[in-house]
C-alpha atoms as a PDB file:
ATOM      1  CA  MET A   1     144.174  25.057 140.047  1.00  0.00           C
ATOM      2  CA  VAL A   2     144.807  22.529 142.795  1.00  0.00           C
ATOM      3  CA  GLY A   3     147.634  23.526 145.129  1.00  0.00           C
ATOM      4  CA  SER A   4     150.623  21.181 144.939  1.00  0.00           C
ATOM      5  CA  LYS A   5     151.550  21.296 148.618  1.00  0.00           C
ATOM      6  CA  ALA A   6     151.703  17.716 149.858  1.00  0.00           C
ATOM      7  CA  ALA A   7     148.645  16.811 151.880  1.00  0.00           C
ATOM      8  CA  VAL A   8     150.729  14.932 154.405  1.00  0.00           C
ATOM      9  CA  ARG A   9     151.708  18.294 155.844  1.00  0.00           C
ATOM     10  CA  PHE A  10     148.115  18.803 156.772  1.00  0.00           C
ATOM     11  CA  ALA A  11     147.646  15.529 158.621  1.00  0.00           C
ATOM     12  CA  VAL A  12     145.520  17.142 161.287  1.00  0.00           C
ATOM     13  CA  ALA A  13     143.166  18.503 158.674  1.00  0.00           C
ATOM     14  CA  ILE A  14     142.999  15.118 156.997  1.00  0.00           C
ATOM     15  CA  LEU A  15     142.166  13.380 160.249  1.00  0.00           C
ATOM     16  CA  LEU A  16     139.519  15.967 161.031  1.00  0.00           C
ATOM     17  CA  THR A  17     137.984  15.590 157.580  1.00  0.00           C
ATOM     18  CA  ALA A  18     137.948  11.819 157.922  1.00  0.00           C
ATOM     19  CA  THR A  19     136.343  12.042 161.347  1.00  0.00           C
ATOM     20  CA  LEU A  20     133.627  14.388 160.166  1.00  0.00           C
ATOM     21  CA  THR A  21     132.994  12.189 157.150  1.00  0.00           C
ATOM     22  CA  ALA A  22     132.710   9.090 159.283  1.00  0.00           C
ATOM     23  CA  CYS A  23     130.349  10.834 161.681  1.00  0.00           C
ATOM     24  CA  SER A  24     128.130  11.820 158.786  1.00  0.00           C
ATOM     25  CA  GLY A  25     127.938   8.192 157.718  1.00  0.00           C
ATOM     26  CA  GLY A  26     129.680   8.972 154.440  1.00  0.00           C
ATOM     27  CA  GLY A  27     132.479   6.403 154.671  1.00  0.00           C
ATOM     28  CA  GLY A  28     135.044   8.624 152.950  1.00  0.00           C
ATOM     29  CA  GLY A  29     132.768  10.946 151.050  1.00  0.00           C
ATOM     30  CA  GLY A  30     129.516   9.012 151.088  1.00  0.00           C
ATOM     31  CA  LEU A  31     130.056   7.792 147.523  1.00  0.00           C
ATOM     32  CA  PHE A  32     132.020   4.665 148.379  1.00  0.00           C
ATOM     33  CA  SER A  33     131.250   1.552 150.350  1.00  0.00           C
ATOM     34  CA  SER A  34     132.452   1.554 153.938  1.00  0.00           C
ATOM     35  CA  ALA A  35     135.246  -0.888 153.069  1.00  0.00           C
ATOM     36  CA  ALA A  36     137.803  -0.412 150.329  1.00  0.00           C
ATOM     37  CA  ASP A  37     136.784  -2.341 147.211  1.00  0.00           C
ATOM     38  CA  ARG A  38     139.513  -2.657 144.620  1.00  0.00           C
ATOM     39  CA  THR A  39     137.123  -4.250 142.148  1.00  0.00           C
ATOM     40  CA  GLN A  40     134.966  -1.134 142.127  1.00  0.00           C
ATOM     41  CA  ASN A  41     134.821   0.849 138.904  1.00  0.00           C
ATOM     42  CA  LEU A  42     136.182   4.266 139.819  1.00  0.00           C
ATOM     43  CA  GLU A  43     135.787   5.869 136.408  1.00  0.00           C
ATOM     44  CA  THR A  44     132.485   7.430 137.457  1.00  0.00           C
ATOM     45  CA  PHE A  45     134.159   9.342 140.274  1.00  0.00           C
ATOM     46  CA  THR A  46     136.048  12.596 140.013  1.00  0.00           C
ATOM     47  CA  PRO A  47     139.758  12.669 140.803  1.00  0.00           C
ATOM     48  CA  GLU A  48     139.012  14.755 143.868  1.00  0.00           C
ATOM     49  CA  GLN A  49     136.585  12.162 145.189  1.00  0.00           C
ATOM     50  CA  ILE A  50     139.045   9.305 144.710  1.00  0.00           C
ATOM     51  CA  TYR A  51     141.826  11.373 146.245  1.00  0.00           C
ATOM     52  CA  GLN A  52     139.683  12.171 149.278  1.00  0.00           C
ATOM     53  CA  ARG A  53     138.946   8.481 149.709  1.00  0.00           C
ATOM     54  CA  GLY A  54     142.700   7.883 149.735  1.00  0.00           C
ATOM     55  CA  GLU A  55     143.006  10.482 152.489  1.00  0.00           C
ATOM     56  CA  TYR A  56     140.225   8.779 154.401  1.00  0.00           C
ATOM     57  CA  GLU A  57     141.935   5.375 154.189  1.00  0.00           C
ATOM     58  CA  LEU A  58     145.216   6.935 155.260  1.00  0.00           C
ATOM     59  CA  ALA A  59     143.551   8.528 158.269  1.00  0.00           C
ATOM     60  CA  GLN A  60     142.269   5.069 159.219  1.00  0.00           C
ATOM     61  CA  ASN A  61     145.847   3.771 158.977  1.00  0.00           C
ATOM     62  CA  ARG A  62     144.932   1.553 156.036  1.00  0.00           C
ATOM     63  CA  THR A  63     148.021   2.512 154.116  1.00  0.00           C
ATOM     64  CA  ASP A  64     147.791  -0.132 151.388  1.00  0.00           C
ATOM     65  CA  ASP A  65     144.250   0.896 150.508  1.00  0.00           C
ATOM     66  CA  ALA A  66     145.216   4.560 150.651  1.00  0.00           C
ATOM     67  CA  ALA A  67     148.100   3.988 148.247  1.00  0.00           C
ATOM     68  CA  TRP A  68     145.801   2.113 145.894  1.00  0.00           C
ATOM     69  CA  TYR A  69     143.254   4.948 145.719  1.00  0.00           C
ATOM     70  CA  PHE A  70     146.026   7.465 145.120  1.00  0.00           C
ATOM     71  CA  SER A  71     147.424   5.257 142.362  1.00  0.00           C
ATOM     72  CA  GLU A  72     143.978   5.136 140.763  1.00  0.00           C
ATOM     73  CA  VAL A  73     143.906   8.917 140.619  1.00  0.00           C
ATOM     74  CA  GLU A  74     147.217   8.814 138.777  1.00  0.00           C
ATOM     75  CA  ARG A  75     146.022   6.055 136.450  1.00  0.00           C
ATOM     76  CA  LEU A  76     142.631   7.527 135.574  1.00  0.00           C
ATOM     77  CA  TYR A  77     143.609  11.197 135.482  1.00  0.00           C
ATOM     78  CA  PRO A  78     147.335  11.090 134.593  1.00  0.00           C
ATOM     79  CA  TYR A  79     147.745  14.706 133.509  1.00  0.00           C
ATOM     80  CA  SER A  80     145.727  16.398 136.213  1.00  0.00           C
ATOM     81  CA  ASP A  81     146.982  18.321 139.215  1.00  0.00           C
ATOM     82  CA  TRP A  82     145.222  15.721 141.348  1.00  0.00           C
ATOM     83  CA  ALA A  83     147.467  13.061 139.832  1.00  0.00           C
ATOM     84  CA  LYS A  84     150.513  15.033 140.900  1.00  0.00           C
ATOM     85  CA  ARG A  85     149.214  15.343 144.449  1.00  0.00           C
ATOM     86  CA  ALA A  86     148.213  11.689 144.473  1.00  0.00           C
ATOM     87  CA  LEU A  87     151.675  10.570 143.393  1.00  0.00           C
ATOM     88  CA  ILE A  88     153.433  12.183 146.348  1.00  0.00           C
ATOM     89  CA  MET A  89     150.743  10.741 148.599  1.00  0.00           C
ATOM     90  CA  GLN A  90     151.389   7.293 147.161  1.00  0.00           C
ATOM     91  CA  ALA A  91     155.006   7.602 148.217  1.00  0.00           C
ATOM     92  CA  PHE A  92     153.955   8.747 151.685  1.00  0.00           C
ATOM     93  CA  SER A  93     151.327   6.010 152.094  1.00  0.00           C
ATOM     94  CA  HIS A  94     153.707   3.265 151.032  1.00  0.00           C
ATOM     95  CA  HIS A  95     156.360   4.582 153.384  1.00  0.00           C
ATOM     96  CA  SER A  96     153.889   4.729 156.264  1.00  0.00           C
ATOM     97  CA  GLY A  97     153.080   1.078 155.564  1.00  0.00           C
ATOM     98  CA  LYS A  98     156.803   0.215 155.426  1.00  0.00           C
ATOM     99  CA  ASN A  99     156.542  -0.740 151.776  1.00  0.00           C
ATOM    100  CA  TYR A 100     159.850   0.925 151.109  1.00  0.00           C
ATOM    101  CA  GLU A 101     160.492  -0.207 147.549  1.00  0.00           C
ATOM    102  CA  GLU A 102     157.056   0.982 146.441  1.00  0.00           C
ATOM    103  CA  SER A 103     157.564   4.266 148.280  1.00  0.00           C
ATOM    104  CA  ARG A 104     160.910   4.750 146.615  1.00  0.00           C
ATOM    105  CA  ALA A 105     159.475   4.004 143.178  1.00  0.00           C
ATOM    106  CA  ALA A 106     156.652   6.521 143.620  1.00  0.00           C
ATOM    107  CA  ALA A 107     159.002   9.171 144.971  1.00  0.00           C
ATOM    108  CA  GLN A 108     161.437   8.668 142.096  1.00  0.00           C
ATOM    109  CA  ARG A 109     158.585   8.911 139.601  1.00  0.00           C
ATOM    110  CA  TYR A 110     157.548  12.208 141.147  1.00  0.00           C
ATOM    111  CA  ILE A 111     161.097  13.540 140.850  1.00  0.00           C
ATOM    112  CA  ASP A 112     161.287  12.393 137.227  1.00  0.00           C
ATOM    113  CA  PHE A 113     157.920  13.900 136.258  1.00  0.00           C
ATOM    114  CA  TYR A 114     158.010  17.087 138.346  1.00  0.00           C
ATOM    115  CA  PRO A 115     161.680  17.946 139.002  1.00  0.00           C
ATOM    116  CA  THR A 116     161.025  21.646 139.550  1.00  0.00           C
ATOM    117  CA  ASP A 117     157.866  21.306 141.599  1.00  0.00           C
ATOM    118  CA  GLU A 118     157.876  22.572 145.163  1.00  0.00           C
ATOM    119  CA  ASP A 119     157.296  19.046 146.468  1.00  0.00           C
ATOM    120  CA  ALA A 120     160.271  17.568 144.604  1.00  0.00           C
ATOM    121  CA  ALA A 121     162.348  18.180 147.735  1.00  0.00           C
ATOM    122  CA  TYR A 122     159.863  16.208 149.794  1.00  0.00           C
ATOM    123  CA  ALA A 123     159.882  13.391 147.222  1.00  0.00           C
ATOM    124  CA  GLN A 124     163.678  13.226 147.426  1.00  0.00           C
ATOM    125  CA  TYR A 125     163.459  13.244 151.221  1.00  0.00           C
ATOM    126  CA  LEU A 126     160.973  10.351 151.156  1.00  0.00           C
ATOM    127  CA  LEU A 127     163.267   8.480 148.800  1.00  0.00           C
ATOM    128  CA  ALA A 128     166.123   8.947 151.253  1.00  0.00           C
ATOM    129  CA  LEU A 129     163.924   7.815 154.143  1.00  0.00           C
ATOM    130  CA  SER A 130     163.040   4.649 152.244  1.00  0.00           C
ATOM    131  CA  TYR A 131     166.691   3.677 152.703  1.00  0.00           C
ATOM    132  CA  TYR A 132     167.351   5.327 156.046  1.00  0.00           C
ATOM    133  CA  ASP A 133     164.429   3.714 157.857  1.00  0.00           C
ATOM    134  CA  GLN A 134     165.721   0.282 156.862  1.00  0.00           C
ATOM    135  CA  ILE A 135     169.088   0.782 158.527  1.00  0.00           C
ATOM    136  CA  ASP A 136     169.108  -1.968 161.102  1.00  0.00           C
ATOM    137  CA  GLU A 137     171.482  -3.059 163.803  1.00  0.00           C
ATOM    138  CA  VAL A 138     175.182  -2.509 163.237  1.00  0.00           C
ATOM    139  CA  GLY A 139     175.870  -6.175 162.554  1.00  0.00           C
ATOM    140  CA  ARG A 140     174.027  -6.301 159.238  1.00  0.00           C
ATOM    141  CA  ASP A 141     175.238  -5.389 155.761  1.00  0.00           C
ATOM    142  CA  GLN A 142     175.555  -1.649 155.424  1.00  0.00           C
ATOM    143  CA  GLY A 143     174.687  -1.267 151.739  1.00  0.00           C
ATOM    144  CA  LEU A 144     171.437   0.481 152.646  1.00  0.00           C
ATOM    145  CA  THR A 145     173.382   2.919 154.806  1.00  0.00           C
ATOM    146  CA  PHE A 146     175.515   3.968 151.838  1.00  0.00           C
ATOM    147  CA  GLN A 147     172.389   4.402 149.712  1.00  0.00           C
ATOM    148  CA  ALA A 148     170.754   6.456 152.468  1.00  0.00           C
ATOM    149  CA  LEU A 149     173.817   8.689 152.659  1.00  0.00           C
ATOM    150  CA  GLN A 150     173.776   9.293 148.908  1.00  0.00           C
ATOM    151  CA  ALA A 151     170.059  10.110 148.866  1.00  0.00           C
ATOM    152  CA  LEU A 152     170.317  12.353 151.933  1.00  0.00           C
ATOM    153  CA  ARG A 153     173.251  14.172 150.375  1.00  0.00           C
ATOM    154  CA  THR A 154     171.062  14.919 147.364  1.00  0.00           C
ATOM    155  CA  VAL A 155     168.466  16.535 149.634  1.00  0.00           C
ATOM    156  CA  ILE A 156     171.156  18.619 151.309  1.00  0.00           C
ATOM    157  CA  GLU A 157     172.920  19.702 148.119  1.00  0.00           C
ATOM    158  CA  VAL A 158     170.037  20.050 145.660  1.00  0.00           C
ATOM    159  CA  TYR A 159     167.442  21.434 148.086  1.00  0.00           C
ATOM    160  CA  PRO A 160     169.521  23.297 150.715  1.00  0.00           C
ATOM    161  CA  ASP A 161     166.772  25.854 151.394  1.00  0.00           C
ATOM    162  CA  SER A 162     163.980  23.329 151.774  1.00  0.00           C
ATOM    163  CA  GLU A 163     162.355  22.514 155.092  1.00  0.00           C
ATOM    164  CA  TYR A 164     163.821  19.000 154.846  1.00  0.00           C
ATOM    165  CA  ALA A 165     167.479  19.996 154.619  1.00  0.00           C
ATOM    166  CA  THR A 166     168.011  20.286 158.382  1.00  0.00           C
ATOM    167  CA  SER A 167     166.475  16.897 159.063  1.00  0.00           C
ATOM    168  CA  ALA A 168     168.491  15.397 156.193  1.00  0.00           C
ATOM    169  CA  ILE A 169     171.718  16.756 157.701  1.00  0.00           C
ATOM    170  CA  LEU A 170     170.882  15.221 161.079  1.00  0.00           C
ATOM    171  CA  LYS A 171     170.054  11.851 159.532  1.00  0.00           C
ATOM    172  CA  PHE A 172     173.161  12.012 157.359  1.00  0.00           C
ATOM    173  CA  ASP A 173     175.313  12.449 160.462  1.00  0.00           C
ATOM    174  CA  LEU A 174     173.562   9.554 162.200  1.00  0.00           C
ATOM    175  CA  ALA A 175     173.967   7.275 159.178  1.00  0.00           C
ATOM    176  CA  PHE A 176     177.622   8.295 158.906  1.00  0.00           C
ATOM    177  CA  ASP A 177     178.094   7.425 162.570  1.00  0.00           C
ATOM    178  CA  HIS A 178     176.389   4.098 161.878  1.00  0.00           C
ATOM    179  CA  LEU A 179     179.002   3.200 159.269  1.00  0.00           C
ATOM    180  CA  ALA A 180     181.796   4.063 161.693  1.00  0.00           C
ATOM    181  CA  ALA A 181     180.148   1.819 164.294  1.00  0.00           C
ATOM    182  CA  LYS A 182     180.247  -1.023 161.784  1.00  0.00           C
ATOM    183  CA  GLU A 183     183.987  -0.552 161.264  1.00  0.00           C
ATOM    184  CA  MET A 184     184.508  -0.475 165.022  1.00  0.00           C
ATOM    185  CA  GLU A 185     182.556  -3.673 165.531  1.00  0.00           C
ATOM    186  CA  ILE A 186     184.657  -5.539 162.973  1.00  0.00           C
ATOM    187  CA  GLY A 187     187.863  -4.036 164.360  1.00  0.00           C
ATOM    188  CA  ARG A 188     187.029  -5.164 167.895  1.00  0.00           C
ATOM    189  CA  TYR A 189     186.254  -8.626 166.579  1.00  0.00           C
ATOM    190  CA  TYR A 190     189.709  -8.905 165.031  1.00  0.00           C
ATOM    191  CA  LEU A 191     191.367  -7.376 168.082  1.00  0.00           C
ATOM    192  CA  ARG A 192     189.781  -9.930 170.432  1.00  0.00           C
ATOM    193  CA  ARG A 193     191.098 -12.701 168.209  1.00  0.00           C
ATOM    194  CA  GLN A 194     194.560 -11.157 168.079  1.00  0.00           C
ATOM    195  CA  HIS A 195     194.363 -10.446 164.363  1.00  0.00           C
ATOM    196  CA  TYR A 196     196.065  -7.145 164.987  1.00  0.00           C
ATOM    197  CA  THR A 197     196.826  -6.066 161.429  1.00  0.00           C
ATOM    198  CA  ALA A 198     193.231  -6.624 160.341  1.00  0.00           C
ATOM    199  CA  ALA A 199     192.004  -4.741 163.408  1.00  0.00           C
ATOM    200  CA  ILE A 200     194.343  -1.824 162.690  1.00  0.00           C
ATOM    201  CA  ASN A 201     193.019  -1.547 159.151  1.00  0.00           C
ATOM    202  CA  ARG A 202     189.465  -1.121 160.469  1.00  0.00           C
ATOM    203  CA  PHE A 203     190.374   1.398 163.149  1.00  0.00           C
ATOM    204  CA  ARG A 204     192.430   3.345 160.643  1.00  0.00           C
ATOM    205  CA  VAL A 205     189.344   3.723 158.430  1.00  0.00           C
ATOM    206  CA  VAL A 206     187.481   5.284 161.363  1.00  0.00           C
ATOM    207  CA  VAL A 207     190.315   7.698 162.155  1.00  0.00           C
ATOM    208  CA  GLU A 208     190.870   8.738 158.548  1.00  0.00           C
ATOM    209  CA  ASP A 209     187.366   8.613 157.048  1.00  0.00           C
ATOM    210  CA  PHE A 210     185.012   8.986 160.016  1.00  0.00           C
ATOM    211  CA  GLN A 211     186.926  11.407 162.204  1.00  0.00           C
ATOM    212  CA  THR A 212     183.834  13.544 162.850  1.00  0.00           C
ATOM    213  CA  THR A 213     181.899  10.667 164.419  1.00  0.00           C
ATOM    214  CA  THR A 214     181.621   9.629 168.054  1.00  0.00           C
ATOM    215  CA  HIS A 215     183.869   6.601 167.509  1.00  0.00           C
ATOM    216  CA  THR A 216     187.186   8.287 166.768  1.00  0.00           C
ATOM    217  CA  ALA A 217     188.451   8.397 170.352  1.00  0.00           C
ATOM    218  CA  GLU A 218     187.879   4.692 170.888  1.00  0.00           C
ATOM    219  CA  ALA A 219     189.441   3.907 167.506  1.00  0.00           C
ATOM    220  CA  LEU A 220     192.604   5.725 168.549  1.00  0.00           C
ATOM    221  CA  HIS A 221     192.735   3.819 171.840  1.00  0.00           C
ATOM    222  CA  ARG A 222     192.243   0.508 170.056  1.00  0.00           C
ATOM    223  CA  LEU A 223     195.120   1.466 167.773  1.00  0.00           C
ATOM    224  CA  VAL A 224     197.278   1.988 170.857  1.00  0.00           C
ATOM    225  CA  GLU A 225     196.339  -1.507 172.042  1.00  0.00           C
ATOM    226  CA  ALA A 226     196.910  -3.155 168.675  1.00  0.00           C
ATOM    227  CA  TYR A 227     200.196  -1.425 167.916  1.00  0.00           C
ATOM    228  CA  LEU A 228     201.594  -2.219 171.357  1.00  0.00           C
ATOM    229  CA  SER A 229     200.614  -5.845 170.857  1.00  0.00           C
ATOM    230  CA  LEU A 230     202.667  -5.843 167.642  1.00  0.00           C
ATOM    231  CA  GLY A 231     205.576  -4.035 169.320  1.00  0.00           C
ATOM    232  CA  LEU A 232     205.094  -0.946 167.154  1.00  0.00           C
ATOM    233  CA  VAL A 233     205.796   1.590 169.871  1.00  0.00           C
ATOM    234  CA  ALA A 234     206.080   4.725 167.723  1.00  0.00           C
ATOM    235  CA  GLU A 235     202.630   4.234 166.227  1.00  0.00           C
ATOM    236  CA  ALA A 236     201.127   3.546 169.647  1.00  0.00           C
ATOM    237  CA  GLN A 237     202.687   6.676 171.116  1.00  0.00           C
ATOM    238  CA  THR A 238     201.470   8.835 168.254  1.00  0.00           C
ATOM    239  CA  ALA A 239     197.911   7.500 168.542  1.00  0.00           C
ATOM    240  CA  GLY A 240     198.073   8.342 172.235  1.00  0.00           C
ATOM    241  CA  ALA A 241     199.338  11.846 171.445  1.00  0.00           C
ATOM    242  CA  ILE A 242     196.387  12.510 169.128  1.00  0.00           C
ATOM    243  CA  LEU A 243     194.046  11.235 171.820  1.00  0.00           C
ATOM    244  CA  GLY A 244     195.658  13.538 174.350  1.00  0.00           C
ATOM    245  CA  TYR A 245     195.256  16.556 172.119  1.00  0.00           C
ATOM    246  CA  ASN A 246     191.694  16.000 170.939  1.00  0.00           C
ATOM    247  CA  TYR A 247     190.048  13.795 173.570  1.00  0.00           C
ATOM    248  CA  ARG A 248     191.847  14.451 176.854  1.00  0.00           C
ATOM    249  CA  SER A 249     188.618  14.328 178.863  1.00  0.00           C
ATOM    250  CA  SER A 250     187.521  10.987 177.437  1.00  0.00           C
ATOM    251  CA  GLU A 251     187.742   7.567 179.046  1.00  0.00           C
ATOM    252  CA  TRP A 252     189.729   6.382 176.039  1.00  0.00           C
ATOM    253  CA  TYR A 253     192.491   8.893 176.706  1.00  0.00           C
ATOM    254  CA  ASP A 254     192.671   7.748 180.329  1.00  0.00           C
ATOM    255  CA  ALA A 255     192.917   4.120 179.226  1.00  0.00           C
ATOM    256  CA  SER A 256     195.649   4.832 176.679  1.00  0.00           C
ATOM    257  CA  TYR A 257     197.546   7.016 179.133  1.00  0.00           C
ATOM    258  CA  LYS A 258     197.612   4.223 181.730  1.00  0.00           C
ATOM    259  CA  LEU A 259     198.546   1.611 179.148  1.00  0.00           C
ATOM    260  CA  LEU A 260     201.438   3.597 177.686  1.00  0.00           C
ATOM    261  CA  THR A 261     202.850   5.028 180.898  1.00  0.00           C
ATOM    262  CA  SER A 262     202.711   1.627 182.580  1.00  0.00           C
ATOM    263  CA  ARG A 263     205.326   0.599 180.012  1.00  0.00           C
ATOM    264  CA  GLY A 264     207.410   3.723 180.523  1.00  0.00           C
ATOM    265  CA  LEU A 265     206.205   5.296 177.269  1.00  0.00           C
ATOM    266  CA  GLU A 266     205.167   8.864 176.541  1.00  0.00           C
ATOM    267  CA  LEU A 267     202.159  10.043 174.563  1.00  0.00           C
ATOM    268  CA  LYS A 268     204.014  11.873 171.820  1.00  0.00           C
ATOM    269  CA  ASP A 269     204.390  12.059 168.083  1.00  0.00           C
ATOM    270  CA  SER A 270     207.044   9.547 167.252  1.00  0.00           C
ATOM    271  CA  GLY A 271     208.463   8.155 164.034  1.00  0.00           C
ATOM    272  CA  ASN A 272     207.210   8.766 160.518  1.00  0.00           C
ATOM    273  CA  ASN A 273     203.971   6.854 160.038  1.00  0.00           C
ATOM    274  CA  TRP A 274     200.418   7.569 158.894  1.00  0.00           C
ATOM    275  CA  LEU A 275     199.437   8.654 162.401  1.00  0.00           C
ATOM    276  CA  SER A 276     202.360  11.089 162.511  1.00  0.00           C
ATOM    277  CA  GLN A 277     201.066  12.643 159.321  1.00  0.00           C
ATOM    278  CA  ILE A 278     197.636  13.092 160.900  1.00  0.00           C
ATOM    279  CA  TYR A 279     199.262  14.554 164.005  1.00  0.00           C
ATOM    280  CA  ARG A 280     201.276  17.069 162.011  1.00  0.00           C
ATOM    281  CA  GLN A 281     198.350  18.052 159.815  1.00  0.00           C
ATOM    282  CA  SER A 282     195.574  18.312 162.373  1.00  0.00           C
ATOM    283  CA  ILE A 283     197.529  19.523 165.389  1.00  0.00           C
ATOM    284  CA  LYS A 284     200.540  21.390 164.042  1.00  0.00           C
ATOM    285  CA  GLY A 285     199.008  22.483 160.751  1.00  0.00           C
ATOM    286  CA  GLN A 286     201.896  21.097 158.774  1.00  0.00           C
ATOM    287  CA  TRP A 287     200.604  19.812 155.428  1.00  0.00           C
ATOM    288  CA  LEU A 288     203.906  19.093 153.717  1.00  0.00           C
END
């Protein structure tokens, strides 16, 4: 019985095998030509031989060729243990080559075919990475970020004891922070153009939905700026009060403190607005 542990975890062994093979003049086992030939009839080779050639191509950083050999194992020997190993390696090879859609398709197929296998967690992690590694600069559409968050959450919730859970949590937090950064960017854009209500809506999303990210302190300060510009003093004071309680050592608290006190205003909970509700709930523990 072939072990199902993904061979990517033994990259050093793969590289060593490939090096020894190359030194022996075998070109990936000695049964293949030195260059990948996709017209070659592979039916005369065993699944292990084709799989090893895939490893060899992967070690040479020829990810497309590696993925093709692994796919041939799956095609020619669909019900073998080698096919199962080859499928997870397809996902890994495609991901290494930045062919994210192909990687995602292979990973999803693995999850569908082998949902209880020990490498199902790794397949789900690769699927999540296929979204996460495409998250670009903040200015672009964040649909991929939402998809990454959903896939990472699946790793965390379905496979909490796997070796990928910790990494998934870290990446989830980073992707979550990325979404907050997007809201901040749009909010600043509106604020610079004096579209204060639109800016407030964006900063409010950060304060209410992304309060665990690194952007909350700035969002509160920007709310102080926007509300003061609209003459909504109570809201500005309350935003400053939350800043003072949670982020007193931050530059954003200092900026809000100077802005409010320069107008003779205190940083205190004032009025009955959505910020006052947050102040009462998070600082005073009053939920009603």
